[in-house]
Protein backbone atom coordinates (compact mmCIF):
# COMPACT_ATOMS: atom_id res chain seq x y z
CA UNK A 1 -0.03 0.02 -0.14
CA UNK A 2 1.03 3.60 -0.83
CA UNK A 3 -0.47 6.56 -0.26
CA UNK A 4 0.62 10.30 -0.53
CA UNK A 5 -1.17 13.84 -0.89
CA UNK A 6 -2.52 14.51 -4.40
CA UNK A 7 -2.22 17.72 -6.08
CA UNK A 8 -5.72 18.35 -5.94
CA UNK A 9 -4.98 18.10 -3.03
CA UNK A 10 -6.10 15.33 -1.57
CA UNK A 11 -5.46 11.80 -0.37
CA UNK A 12 -4.18 9.38 -2.99
CA UNK A 13 -3.93 5.58 -2.32
CA UNK A 14 -2.45 2.96 -4.26
CA UNK A 15 -3.22 -0.88 -3.32
CA UNK A 16 -1.35 -3.84 -5.29
CA UNK A 17 -3.81 -6.74 -5.87
CA UNK A 18 -1.98 -8.48 -8.16
CA UNK A 19 1.14 -9.03 -10.22
CA UNK A 20 1.28 -6.01 -11.78
CA UNK A 21 -2.33 -4.57 -11.03
CA UNK A 22 -2.83 -1.78 -9.04
CA UNK A 23 -6.30 0.21 -7.69
CA UNK A 24 -6.07 3.81 -7.17
CA UNK A 25 -7.85 5.38 -4.69
CA UNK A 26 -8.93 9.04 -4.60
CA UNK A 27 -10.51 10.36 -0.98
CA UNK A 28 -11.57 13.62 -0.26
CA UNK A 29 -14.14 16.42 -2.07
CA UNK A 30 -14.22 16.37 -5.33
CA UNK A 31 -16.45 19.40 -6.19
CA UNK A 32 -15.09 21.15 -9.08
CA UNK A 33 -12.17 18.90 -10.11
CA UNK A 34 -13.76 16.72 -13.03
CA UNK A 35 -10.91 17.82 -15.19
CA UNK A 36 -8.41 16.09 -12.71
CA UNK A 37 -10.16 13.13 -12.55
CA UNK A 38 -11.37 13.01 -16.05
CA UNK A 39 -7.19 13.32 -16.70
CA UNK A 40 -5.72 11.00 -14.01
CA UNK A 41 -9.06 8.57 -14.24
CA UNK A 42 -8.35 6.50 -10.76
CA UNK A 43 -9.97 3.28 -10.67
CA UNK A 44 -12.16 4.89 -7.72
CA UNK A 45 -12.98 8.15 -6.02
CA UNK A 46 -14.27 8.29 -2.99
CA UNK A 47 -16.36 11.18 -1.77
CA UNK A 48 -16.72 12.77 1.20
CA UNK A 49 -19.76 15.22 0.93
CA UNK A 50 -23.59 13.89 -0.23
CA UNK A 51 -24.85 16.55 -1.95
CA UNK A 52 -23.28 16.33 -5.42
CA UNK A 53 -21.83 13.90 -8.06
CA UNK A 54 -19.83 14.70 -10.69
CA UNK A 55 -21.23 14.81 -14.13
CA UNK A 56 -18.45 13.06 -16.23
CA UNK A 57 -16.32 10.33 -15.38
CA UNK A 58 -13.93 8.10 -16.89
CA UNK A 59 -15.68 5.16 -18.01
CA UNK A 60 -13.33 2.64 -15.64
CA UNK A 61 -13.81 5.19 -12.76
CA UNK A 62 -16.10 4.16 -9.79
CA UNK A 63 -17.41 7.06 -7.97
CA UNK A 64 -19.05 6.82 -4.47
CA UNK A 65 -20.96 9.27 -2.33
CA UNK A 66 -23.70 6.98 -0.47
CA UNK A 67 -23.92 4.47 1.99
CA UNK A 68 -22.77 0.56 1.13
CA UNK A 69 -20.42 -2.03 0.64
CA UNK A 70 -18.20 -2.19 -2.22
CA UNK A 71 -15.91 -4.80 -4.06
CA UNK A 72 -13.82 -3.49 -6.75
CA UNK A 73 -11.01 -5.14 -8.04
CA UNK A 74 -9.80 -6.88 -4.93
CA UNK A 75 -10.72 -3.88 -2.98
CA UNK A 76 -12.91 -3.79 -0.69
CA UNK A 77 -14.39 -0.53 0.48
CA UNK A 78 -17.19 0.55 3.22
CA UNK A 79 -18.92 3.98 3.35
CA UNK A 80 -20.91 5.39 6.04
CA UNK A 81 -22.79 8.43 6.07
CA UNK A 82 -23.55 10.83 9.40
CA UNK A 83 -24.97 14.12 10.16
CA UNK A 84 -22.45 17.23 11.12
CA UNK A 85 -24.17 20.34 11.53
CA UNK A 86 -27.34 19.56 9.48
CA UNK A 87 -25.18 18.23 6.58
CA UNK A 88 -24.43 14.82 5.58
CA UNK A 89 -20.64 13.51 5.70
CA UNK A 90 -19.35 10.20 4.60
CA UNK A 91 -16.31 8.58 6.24
CA UNK A 92 -14.54 5.54 4.52
CA UNK A 93 -13.21 1.99 5.28
CA UNK A 94 -10.84 0.49 2.53
CA UNK A 95 -9.36 -3.24 2.51
CA UNK A 96 -6.84 -3.73 -0.05
CA UNK A 97 -3.24 -6.16 0.46
CA UNK A 98 -4.50 -6.87 4.33
CA UNK A 99 -4.23 -3.63 5.14
CA UNK A 100 -7.51 -1.74 6.65
CA UNK A 101 -7.63 1.69 6.35
CA UNK A 102 -10.35 4.64 7.36
CA UNK A 103 -10.64 7.97 6.18
CA UNK A 104 -12.73 10.72 7.11
CA UNK A 105 -12.31 14.72 7.07
CA UNK A 106 -14.69 15.81 10.05
CA UNK A 107 -15.10 13.91 13.25
CA UNK A 108 -17.97 11.99 13.96
CA UNK A 109 -19.51 9.27 16.59
CA UNK A 110 -18.60 6.28 16.28
CA UNK A 111 -20.82 4.92 18.47
CA UNK A 112 -23.27 4.75 15.62
CA UNK A 113 -21.50 2.61 13.85
CA UNK A 114 -19.81 0.46 16.20
CA UNK A 115 -21.66 -3.11 15.28
CA UNK A 116 -20.74 -2.67 11.28
CA UNK A 117 -17.25 -1.75 12.09
CA UNK A 118 -16.45 -4.62 14.48
CA UNK A 119 -17.98 -7.06 11.93
CA UNK A 120 -15.13 -5.11 9.36
CA UNK A 121 -12.43 -6.25 12.15
CA UNK A 122 -9.17 -3.84 13.13
CA UNK A 123 -8.15 -0.83 11.41
CA UNK A 124 -4.58 -0.34 10.28
CA UNK A 125 -4.13 3.04 9.17
CA UNK A 126 -6.68 6.11 10.23
CA UNK A 127 -6.39 9.07 7.57
CA UNK A 128 -7.69 12.05 9.16
CA UNK A 129 -7.62 14.83 6.50
CA UNK A 130 -10.17 17.96 8.26
CA UNK A 131 -11.68 19.82 4.86
CA UNK A 132 -11.76 22.84 7.07
CA UNK A 133 -10.28 23.77 10.58
CA UNK A 134 -13.44 24.42 12.95
CA UNK A 135 -13.61 21.16 14.23
CA UNK A 136 -13.16 20.17 17.88
CA UNK A 137 -9.74 18.80 18.36
CA UNK A 138 -11.49 16.94 21.27
CA UNK A 139 -13.72 15.36 18.90
CA UNK A 140 -11.00 14.53 16.73
CA UNK A 141 -9.01 12.96 19.10
CA UNK A 142 -11.87 10.55 19.91
CA UNK A 143 -12.65 9.43 16.75
CA UNK A 144 -9.84 8.65 15.95
CA UNK A 145 -8.86 6.71 19.41
CA UNK A 146 -12.56 5.07 19.61
CA UNK A 147 -10.78 3.51 15.71
CA UNK A 148 -7.82 1.99 17.78
CA UNK A 149 -5.35 2.39 14.77
CA UNK A 150 -1.70 0.91 14.75
CA UNK A 151 -1.15 4.22 12.73
CA UNK A 152 -2.48 7.90 12.85
CA UNK A 153 -1.94 9.93 9.40
CA UNK A 154 -2.63 13.49 8.92
CA UNK A 155 -2.26 15.83 6.33
CA UNK A 156 -0.24 19.38 7.18
CA UNK A 157 -3.00 21.51 7.94
CA UNK A 158 -2.83 25.12 6.77
CA UNK A 159 -3.89 26.14 9.53
CA UNK A 160 -0.68 25.73 11.96
CA UNK A 161 -2.00 27.04 14.86
CA UNK A 162 -4.85 23.93 14.58
CA UNK A 163 -2.19 21.91 13.92
CA UNK A 164 -0.27 22.45 16.84
CA UNK A 165 -3.57 22.55 19.20
CA UNK A 166 -4.37 18.92 17.29
CA UNK A 167 -0.96 17.48 18.00
CA UNK A 168 -1.33 18.70 21.50
CA UNK A 169 -4.67 16.93 22.48
CA UNK A 170 -3.34 13.95 20.77
CA UNK A 171 -0.27 13.73 23.03
CA UNK A 172 1.59 11.24 20.71
CA UNK A 173 5.19 13.01 21.05
CA UNK A 174 6.51 10.77 17.82
CA UNK A 175 5.60 12.77 14.48
CA UNK A 176 7.38 12.28 11.65
CA UNK A 177 6.70 14.29 8.53
CA UNK A 178 6.79 12.39 5.09
CA UNK A 179 5.71 13.22 1.64
CA UNK A 180 4.58 9.60 0.62
CA UNK A 181 4.56 6.15 2.46
CA UNK A 182 4.67 2.99 1.46
CA UNK A 183 3.81 -0.43 3.54
CA UNK A 184 3.20 -3.77 3.83
CA UNK A 185 1.01 -5.61 6.03
CA UNK A 186 3.75 -6.92 7.86
CA UNK A 187 5.60 -3.35 8.25
CA UNK A 188 2.42 -2.59 10.51
CA UNK A 189 3.89 -3.14 14.09
CA UNK A 190 2.88 0.17 15.56
CA UNK A 191 0.03 0.80 18.25
CA UNK A 192 -1.21 4.07 17.63
CA UNK A 193 1.78 5.92 19.61
CA UNK A 194 3.03 7.81 16.46
CA UNK A 195 1.47 10.33 13.77
CA UNK A 196 2.76 10.66 10.34
CA UNK A 197 1.74 13.66 8.99
CA UNK A 198 1.94 13.68 4.70
CA UNK A 199 2.89 16.65 3.11
CA UNK A 200 2.69 18.00 -0.37
């Protein structure tokens, strides 16, 4: 599994599902990004907002913005919606190469989805890429820690004060800044005691 922040900016994850076969996922909000998606032709686009769909898509691209369970080229995706300040938002769980990741851009109450997440099983990596900086750092910490990941990955917030407040609230001292990450299942031996900040 590989991950980086694409120029959108949004998260790009690549799962290798077989010999010379990669599945490319884009995760984030893609309003006004149709040209980029049509040019790059990812396999899966996971949209965090539920109030719109892209007008045009490459034929090979699967666009997911509503609740459900999906299997695309040996990658499994679970999409769940929640209400945040009267707006429906999505969070996602995806599994490929035996690695399970969760992605969200706004904190939410995990208790509502406990049964579904228990059935999916252990989350290896949590990606938290906030869409704006009005979120509560205490709520973000609770969502992340309730998922009990082996690793926490965030983007480098544009608001550095919020970034500092978030890191202070999380309370994890081991912080590493990287442009991209690459892991196999056997590499994931961390226990949620390290944060990776993905930079463009």
